[in-house]
PDB file of N, CA and C in Angstrom:
ATOM      1  N   MET A   1     125.419  89.600 201.673  1.00  0.00           N
ATOM      2  CA  MET A   1     124.511  90.503 202.348  1.00  0.00           C
ATOM      3  C   MET A   1     125.229  91.783 202.766  1.00  0.00           C
ATOM      4  N   LYS A   2     126.466  91.639 203.235  1.00  0.00           N
ATOM      5  CA  LYS A   2     127.230  92.812 203.652  1.00  0.00           C
ATOM      6  C   LYS A   2     127.495  93.750 202.475  1.00  0.00           C
ATOM      7  N   GLU A   3     127.738  93.165 201.312  1.00  0.00           N
ATOM      8  CA  GLU A   3     127.996  93.985 200.130  1.00  0.00           C
ATOM      9  C   GLU A   3     126.752  94.773 199.736  1.00  0.00           C
ATOM     10  N   PHE A   4     125.582  94.125 199.830  1.00  0.00           N
ATOM     11  CA  PHE A   4     124.327  94.793 199.510  1.00  0.00           C
ATOM     12  C   PHE A   4     124.092  95.975 200.452  1.00  0.00           C
ATOM     13  N   ILE A   5     124.291  95.741 201.734  1.00  0.00           N
ATOM     14  CA  ILE A   5     124.097  96.809 202.722  1.00  0.00           C
ATOM     15  C   ILE A   5     125.096  97.934 202.501  1.00  0.00           C
ATOM     16  N   LYS A   6     126.325  97.576 202.219  1.00  0.00           N
ATOM     17  CA  LYS A   6     127.359  98.589 201.985  1.00  0.00           C
ATOM     18  C   LYS A   6     127.052  99.423 200.737  1.00  0.00           C
ATOM     19  N   LYS A   7     126.516  98.767 199.722  1.00  0.00           N
ATOM     20  CA  LYS A   7     126.214  99.449 198.462  1.00  0.00           C
ATOM     21  C   LYS A   7     125.002 100.371 198.593  1.00  0.00           C
ATOM     22  N   HIS A   8     124.019  99.973 199.396  1.00  0.00           N
ATOM     23  CA  HIS A   8     122.758 100.710 199.489  1.00  0.00           C
ATOM     24  C   HIS A   8     122.522 101.314 200.877  1.00  0.00           C
ATOM     25  N   ILE A   9     123.574 101.671 201.593  1.00  0.00           N
ATOM     26  CA  ILE A   9     123.428 102.180 202.950  1.00  0.00           C
ATOM     27  C   ILE A   9     122.626 103.475 202.983  1.00  0.00           C
ATOM     28  N   LEU A  10     122.791 104.313 201.999  1.00  0.00           N
ATOM     29  CA  LEU A  10     122.080 105.589 201.955  1.00  0.00           C
ATOM     30  C   LEU A  10     120.572 105.376 201.812  1.00  0.00           C
ATOM     31  N   VAL A  11     120.180 104.447 200.966  1.00  0.00           N
ATOM     32  CA  VAL A  11     118.762 104.139 200.777  1.00  0.00           C
ATOM     33  C   VAL A  11     118.178 103.542 202.053  1.00  0.00           C
ATOM     34  N   ILE A  12     118.928 102.678 202.722  1.00  0.00           N
ATOM     35  CA  ILE A  12     118.465 102.071 203.967  1.00  0.00           C
ATOM     36  C   ILE A  12     118.272 103.130 205.046  1.00  0.00           C
ATOM     37  N   ILE A  13     119.200 104.058 205.152  1.00  0.00           N
ATOM     38  CA  ILE A  13     119.098 105.127 206.154  1.00  0.00           C
ATOM     39  C   ILE A  13     117.903 106.030 205.856  1.00  0.00           C
ATOM     40  N   PHE A  14     117.743 106.429 204.613  1.00  0.00           N
ATOM     41  CA  PHE A  14     116.613 107.281 204.236  1.00  0.00           C
ATOM     42  C   PHE A  14     115.280 106.567 204.469  1.00  0.00           C
ATOM     43  N   SER A  15     115.226 105.266 204.163  1.00  0.00           N
ATOM     44  CA  SER A  15     113.992 104.503 204.361  1.00  0.00           C
ATOM     45  C   SER A  15     113.640 104.393 205.842  1.00  0.00           C
ATOM     46  N   ALA A  16     114.628 104.127 206.672  1.00  0.00           N
ATOM     47  CA  ALA A  16     114.384 104.030 208.110  1.00  0.00           C
ATOM     48  C   ALA A  16     113.945 105.376 208.674  1.00  0.00           C
ATOM     49  N   ALA A  17     114.596 106.444 208.227  1.00  0.00           N
ATOM     50  CA  ALA A  17     114.213 107.785 208.688  1.00  0.00           C
ATOM     51  C   ALA A  17     112.801 108.144 208.216  1.00  0.00           C
ATOM     52  N   GLY A  18     112.444 107.759 207.001  1.00  0.00           N
ATOM     53  CA  GLY A  18     111.106 108.012 206.487  1.00  0.00           C
ATOM     54  C   GLY A  18     110.044 107.244 207.254  1.00  0.00           C
ATOM     55  N   ALA A  19     110.335 105.985 207.589  1.00  0.00           N
ATOM     56  CA  ALA A  19     109.393 105.184 208.371  1.00  0.00           C
ATOM     57  C   ALA A  19     109.205 105.787 209.759  1.00  0.00           C
ATOM     58  N   LEU A  20     110.291 106.219 210.373  1.00  0.00           N
ATOM     59  CA  LEU A  20     110.211 106.856 211.690  1.00  0.00           C
ATOM     60  C   LEU A  20     109.425 108.158 211.609  1.00  0.00           C
ATOM     61  N   ALA A  21     109.683 108.933 210.569  1.00  0.00           N
ATOM     62  CA  ALA A  21     108.950 110.193 210.405  1.00  0.00           C
ATOM     63  C   ALA A  21     107.464 109.944 210.176  1.00  0.00           C
ATOM     64  N   GLY A  22     107.120 108.919 209.411  1.00  0.00           N
ATOM     65  CA  GLY A  22     105.715 108.571 209.191  1.00  0.00           C
ATOM     66  C   GLY A  22     105.025 108.155 210.476  1.00  0.00           C
ATOM     67  N   PHE A  23     105.722 107.369 211.285  1.00  0.00           N
ATOM     68  CA  PHE A  23     105.151 106.948 212.561  1.00  0.00           C
ATOM     69  C   PHE A  23     104.975 108.136 213.500  1.00  0.00           C
ATOM     70  N   LEU A  24     105.991 108.987 213.576  1.00  0.00           N
ATOM     71  CA  LEU A  24     105.900 110.155 214.454  1.00  0.00           C
ATOM     72  C   LEU A  24     104.817 111.124 213.978  1.00  0.00           C
ATOM     73  N   TYR A  25     104.628 111.201 212.682  1.00  0.00           N
ATOM     74  CA  TYR A  25     103.545 112.034 212.146  1.00  0.00           C
ATOM     75  C   TYR A  25     102.197 111.503 212.607  1.00  0.00           C
ATOM     76  N   TRP A  26     102.018 110.187 212.547  1.00  0.00           N
ATOM     77  CA  TRP A  26     100.769 109.587 213.025  1.00  0.00           C
ATOM     78  C   TRP A  26     100.594 109.824 214.520  1.00  0.00           C
ATOM     79  N   LYS A  27     101.684 109.680 215.266  1.00  0.00           N
ATOM     80  CA  LYS A  27     101.616 109.792 216.723  1.00  0.00           C
ATOM     81  C   LYS A  27     101.248 111.196 217.173  1.00  0.00           C
ATOM     82  N   PHE A  28     101.865 112.215 216.573  1.00  0.00           N
ATOM     83  CA  PHE A  28     101.689 113.575 217.066  1.00  0.00           C
ATOM     84  C   PHE A  28     100.671 114.402 216.278  1.00  0.00           C
ATOM     85  N   VAL A  29     100.444 114.102 215.008  1.00  0.00           N
ATOM     86  CA  VAL A  29      99.482 114.854 214.216  1.00  0.00           C
ATOM     87  C   VAL A  29      98.218 114.015 214.055  1.00  0.00           C
ATOM     88  N   GLY A  30      98.370 112.868 213.412  1.00  0.00           N
ATOM     89  CA  GLY A  30      97.296 111.895 213.303  1.00  0.00           C
ATOM     90  C   GLY A  30      95.953 112.417 212.825  1.00  0.00           C
ATOM     91  N   CYS A  31      94.948 111.579 212.985  1.00  0.00           N
ATOM     92  CA  CYS A  31      93.584 111.904 212.583  1.00  0.00           C
ATOM     93  C   CYS A  31      92.650 111.255 213.586  1.00  0.00           C
ATOM     94  N   LEU A  32      92.057 112.045 214.440  1.00  0.00           N
ATOM     95  CA  LEU A  32      91.226 111.507 215.514  1.00  0.00           C
ATOM     96  C   LEU A  32      89.894 110.958 215.024  1.00  0.00           C
ATOM     97  N   SER A  33      89.358 111.507 213.956  1.00  0.00           N
ATOM     98  CA  SER A  33      88.041 111.070 213.487  1.00  0.00           C
ATOM     99  C   SER A  33      88.089 109.731 212.766  1.00  0.00           C
ATOM    100  N   GLY A  34      89.250 109.350 212.238  1.00  0.00           N
ATOM    101  CA  GLY A  34      89.371 108.087 211.511  1.00  0.00           C
ATOM    102  C   GLY A  34      88.988 108.176 210.050  1.00  0.00           C
ATOM    103  N   THR A  35      88.685 109.370 209.564  1.00  0.00           N
ATOM    104  CA  THR A  35      88.286 109.512 208.169  1.00  0.00           C
ATOM    105  C   THR A  35      89.479 109.720 207.234  1.00  0.00           C
ATOM    106  N   CYS A  36      90.627 110.005 207.780  1.00  0.00           N
ATOM    107  CA  CYS A  36      91.832 110.199 206.972  1.00  0.00           C
ATOM    108  C   CYS A  36      92.434 108.823 206.675  1.00  0.00           C
ATOM    109  N   VAL A  37      92.597 108.505 205.423  1.00  0.00           N
ATOM    110  CA  VAL A  37      93.041 107.165 205.041  1.00  0.00           C
ATOM    111  C   VAL A  37      94.461 106.887 205.520  1.00  0.00           C
ATOM    112  N   ILE A  38      95.384 107.779 205.254  1.00  0.00           N
ATOM    113  CA  ILE A  38      96.785 107.530 205.586  1.00  0.00           C
ATOM    114  C   ILE A  38      97.062 107.767 207.064  1.00  0.00           C
ATOM    115  N   LYS A  39      96.505 108.811 207.616  1.00  0.00           N
ATOM    116  CA  LYS A  39      96.845 109.196 208.976  1.00  0.00           C
ATOM    117  C   LYS A  39      96.044 108.491 210.058  1.00  0.00           C
ATOM    118  N   SER A  40      95.022 107.710 209.708  1.00  0.00           N
ATOM    119  CA  SER A  40      94.156 107.137 210.728  1.00  0.00           C
ATOM    120  C   SER A  40      94.777 105.933 211.436  1.00  0.00           C
ATOM    121  N   VAL A  41      95.617 105.162 210.762  1.00  0.00           N
ATOM    122  CA  VAL A  41      96.266 104.003 211.390  1.00  0.00           C
ATOM    123  C   VAL A  41      97.778 104.137 211.262  1.00  0.00           C
ATOM    124  N   TRP A  42      98.480 103.655 212.260  1.00  0.00           N
ATOM    125  CA  TRP A  42      99.918 103.866 212.339  1.00  0.00           C
ATOM    126  C   TRP A  42     100.685 103.192 211.216  1.00  0.00           C
ATOM    127  N   TYR A  43     100.270 102.002 210.787  1.00  0.00           N
ATOM    128  CA  TYR A  43     101.064 101.279 209.798  1.00  0.00           C
ATOM    129  C   TYR A  43     100.969 101.888 208.404  1.00  0.00           C
ATOM    130  N   LEU A  44      99.855 102.530 208.071  1.00  0.00           N
ATOM    131  CA  LEU A  44      99.770 103.171 206.756  1.00  0.00           C
ATOM    132  C   LEU A  44     100.657 104.414 206.685  1.00  0.00           C
ATOM    133  N   SER A  45     100.653 105.211 207.733  1.00  0.00           N
ATOM    134  CA  SER A  45     101.515 106.399 207.713  1.00  0.00           C
ATOM    135  C   SER A  45     102.985 106.000 207.769  1.00  0.00           C
ATOM    136  N   THR A  46     103.299 104.904 208.485  1.00  0.00           N
ATOM    137  CA  THR A  46     104.678 104.419 208.535  1.00  0.00           C
ATOM    138  C   THR A  46     105.119 103.908 207.168  1.00  0.00           C
ATOM    139  N   LEU A  47     104.253 103.149 206.497  1.00  0.00           N
ATOM    140  CA  LEU A  47     104.589 102.662 205.154  1.00  0.00           C
ATOM    141  C   LEU A  47     104.707 103.801 204.142  1.00  0.00           C
ATOM    142  N   TYR A  48     103.847 104.788 204.276  1.00  0.00           N
ATOM    143  CA  TYR A  48     103.917 105.947 203.392  1.00  0.00           C
ATOM    144  C   TYR A  48     105.243 106.683 203.589  1.00  0.00           C
ATOM    145  N   GLY A  49     105.633 106.878 204.837  1.00  0.00           N
ATOM    146  CA  GLY A  49     106.920 107.514 205.133  1.00  0.00           C
ATOM    147  C   GLY A  49     108.085 106.691 204.639  1.00  0.00           C
ATOM    148  N   LEU A  50     107.989 105.367 204.787  1.00  0.00           N
ATOM    149  CA  LEU A  50     109.038 104.479 204.302  1.00  0.00           C
ATOM    150  C   LEU A  50     109.185 104.600 202.788  1.00  0.00           C
ATOM    151  N   GLY A  51     108.062 104.625 202.087  1.00  0.00           N
ATOM    152  CA  GLY A  51     108.101 104.764 200.625  1.00  0.00           C
ATOM    153  C   GLY A  51     108.722 106.077 200.185  1.00  0.00           C
ATOM    154  N   LEU A  52     108.342 107.148 200.849  1.00  0.00           N
ATOM    155  CA  LEU A  52     108.934 108.446 200.502  1.00  0.00           C
ATOM    156  C   LEU A  52     110.425 108.477 200.815  1.00  0.00           C
ATOM    157  N   GLY A  53     110.801 107.889 201.943  1.00  0.00           N
ATOM    158  CA  GLY A  53     112.225 107.817 202.288  1.00  0.00           C
ATOM    159  C   GLY A  53     113.009 107.002 201.291  1.00  0.00           C
ATOM    160  N   TRP A  54     112.417 105.898 200.825  1.00  0.00           N
ATOM    161  CA  TRP A  54     113.082 105.058 199.845  1.00  0.00           C
ATOM    162  C   TRP A  54     113.288 105.810 198.530  1.00  0.00           C
ATOM    163  N   ILE A  55     112.266 106.527 198.086  1.00  0.00           N
ATOM    164  CA  ILE A  55     112.378 107.300 196.841  1.00  0.00           C
ATOM    165  C   ILE A  55     113.448 108.374 196.960  1.00  0.00           C
ATOM    166  N   LEU A  56     113.432 109.109 198.073  1.00  0.00           N
ATOM    167  CA  LEU A  56     114.445 110.146 198.274  1.00  0.00           C
ATOM    168  C   LEU A  56     115.848 109.552 198.378  1.00  0.00           C
ATOM    169  N   GLY A  57     115.968 108.401 199.015  1.00  0.00           N
ATOM    170  CA  GLY A  57     117.263 107.732 199.117  1.00  0.00           C
ATOM    171  C   GLY A  57     117.790 107.294 197.763  1.00  0.00           C
ATOM    172  N   GLU A  58     116.915 106.733 196.953  1.00  0.00           N
ATOM    173  CA  GLU A  58     117.316 106.315 195.605  1.00  0.00           C
ATOM    174  C   GLU A  58     117.761 107.506 194.762  1.00  0.00           C
ATOM    175  N   LEU A  59     116.992 108.586 194.827  1.00  0.00           N
ATOM    176  CA  LEU A  59     117.353 109.780 194.055  1.00  0.00           C
ATOM    177  C   LEU A  59     118.681 110.366 194.523  1.00  0.00           C
ATOM    178  N   THR A  60     118.869 110.425 195.825  1.00  0.00           N
ATOM    179  CA  THR A  60     120.116 110.963 196.371  1.00  0.00           C
ATOM    180  C   THR A  60     121.293 110.085 195.985  1.00  0.00           C
ATOM    181  N   GLU A  61     121.121 108.776 196.071  1.00  0.00           N
ATOM    182  CA  GLU A  61     122.186 107.850 195.701  1.00  0.00           C
ATOM    183  C   GLU A  61     122.557 108.006 194.230  1.00  0.00           C
ATOM    184  N   GLU A  62     121.551 108.182 193.378  1.00  0.00           N
ATOM    185  CA  GLU A  62     121.801 108.349 191.944  1.00  0.00           C
ATOM    186  C   GLU A  62     122.571 109.636 191.659  1.00  0.00           C
ATOM    187  N   VAL A  63     122.197 110.714 192.326  1.00  0.00           N
ATOM    188  CA  VAL A  63     122.889 111.995 192.132  1.00  0.00           C
ATOM    189  C   VAL A  63     124.335 111.891 192.596  1.00  0.00           C
ATOM    190  N   ILE A  64     124.563 111.251 193.727  1.00  0.00           N
ATOM    191  CA  ILE A  64     125.926 111.101 194.243  1.00  0.00           C
ATOM    192  C   ILE A  64     126.769 110.259 193.296  1.00  0.00           C
ATOM    193  N   LEU A  65     126.200 109.172 192.775  1.00  0.00           N
ATOM    194  CA  LEU A  65     126.945 108.332 191.843  1.00  0.00           C
ATOM    195  C   LEU A  65     127.280 109.078 190.556  1.00  0.00           C
ATOM    196  N   LYS A  66     126.348 109.886 190.048  1.00  0.00           N
ATOM    197  CA  LYS A  66     126.630 110.682 188.847  1.00  0.00           C
ATOM    198  C   LYS A  66     127.724 111.698 189.123  1.00  0.00           C
ATOM    199  N   PHE A  67     127.675 112.316 190.298  1.00  0.00           N
ATOM    200  CA  PHE A  67     128.685 113.306 190.655  1.00  0.00           C
ATOM    201  C   PHE A  67     130.060 112.658 190.768  1.00  0.00           C
ATOM    202  N   LYS A  68     130.136 111.483 191.373  1.00  0.00           N
ATOM    203  CA  LYS A  68     131.411 110.774 191.495  1.00  0.00           C
ATOM    204  C   LYS A  68     131.939 110.362 190.132  1.00  0.00           C
ATOM    205  N   LYS A  69     131.023 109.957 189.249  1.00  0.00           N
ATOM    206  CA  LYS A  69     131.425 109.544 187.908  1.00  0.00           C
ATOM    207  C   LYS A  69     131.985 110.729 187.126  1.00  0.00           C
ATOM    208  N   GLN A  70     131.371 111.904 187.261  1.00  0.00           N
ATOM    209  CA  GLN A  70     131.863 113.101 186.585  1.00  0.00           C
ATOM    210  C   GLN A  70     133.235 113.481 187.113  1.00  0.00           C
ATOM    211  N   LYS A  71     133.424 113.422 188.416  1.00  0.00           N
ATOM    212  CA  LYS A  71     134.699 113.780 189.013  1.00  0.00           C
ATOM    213  C   LYS A  71     135.797 112.822 188.550  1.00  0.00           C
ATOM    214  N   LYS A  72     135.442 111.568 188.331  1.00  0.00           N
ATOM    215  CA  LYS A  72     136.405 110.552 187.922  1.00  0.00           C
ATOM    216  C   LYS A  72     136.966 110.863 186.542  1.00  0.00           C
ATOM    217  N   TYR A  73     136.143 111.415 185.652  1.00  0.00           N
ATOM    218  CA  TYR A  73     136.576 111.671 184.276  1.00  0.00           C
ATOM    219  C   TYR A  73     137.166 113.052 184.074  1.00  0.00           C
ATOM    220  N   GLU A  74     137.173 113.851 185.091  1.00  0.00           N
ATOM    221  CA  GLU A  74     137.753 115.210 184.936  1.00  0.00           C
ATOM    222  C   GLU A  74     139.232 115.195 185.101  1.00  0.00           C
TER     223      GLU A  74
END
């Protein structure tokens, strides 16, 4: 488990930050009428933020790994 966390720490951090951002978006912006699908309930906006954070974390991790690999062969 420690190896998994160590290997994917960037994705975990981005996912947690995305979930927090999604929750804070619901809390401070939200949708009072209830007609907004994502913004009307806290768990949907939190999950949406988590998903976006996970995608950004994966992309960032991939770019960093490619950059390290290029530096290794130079």
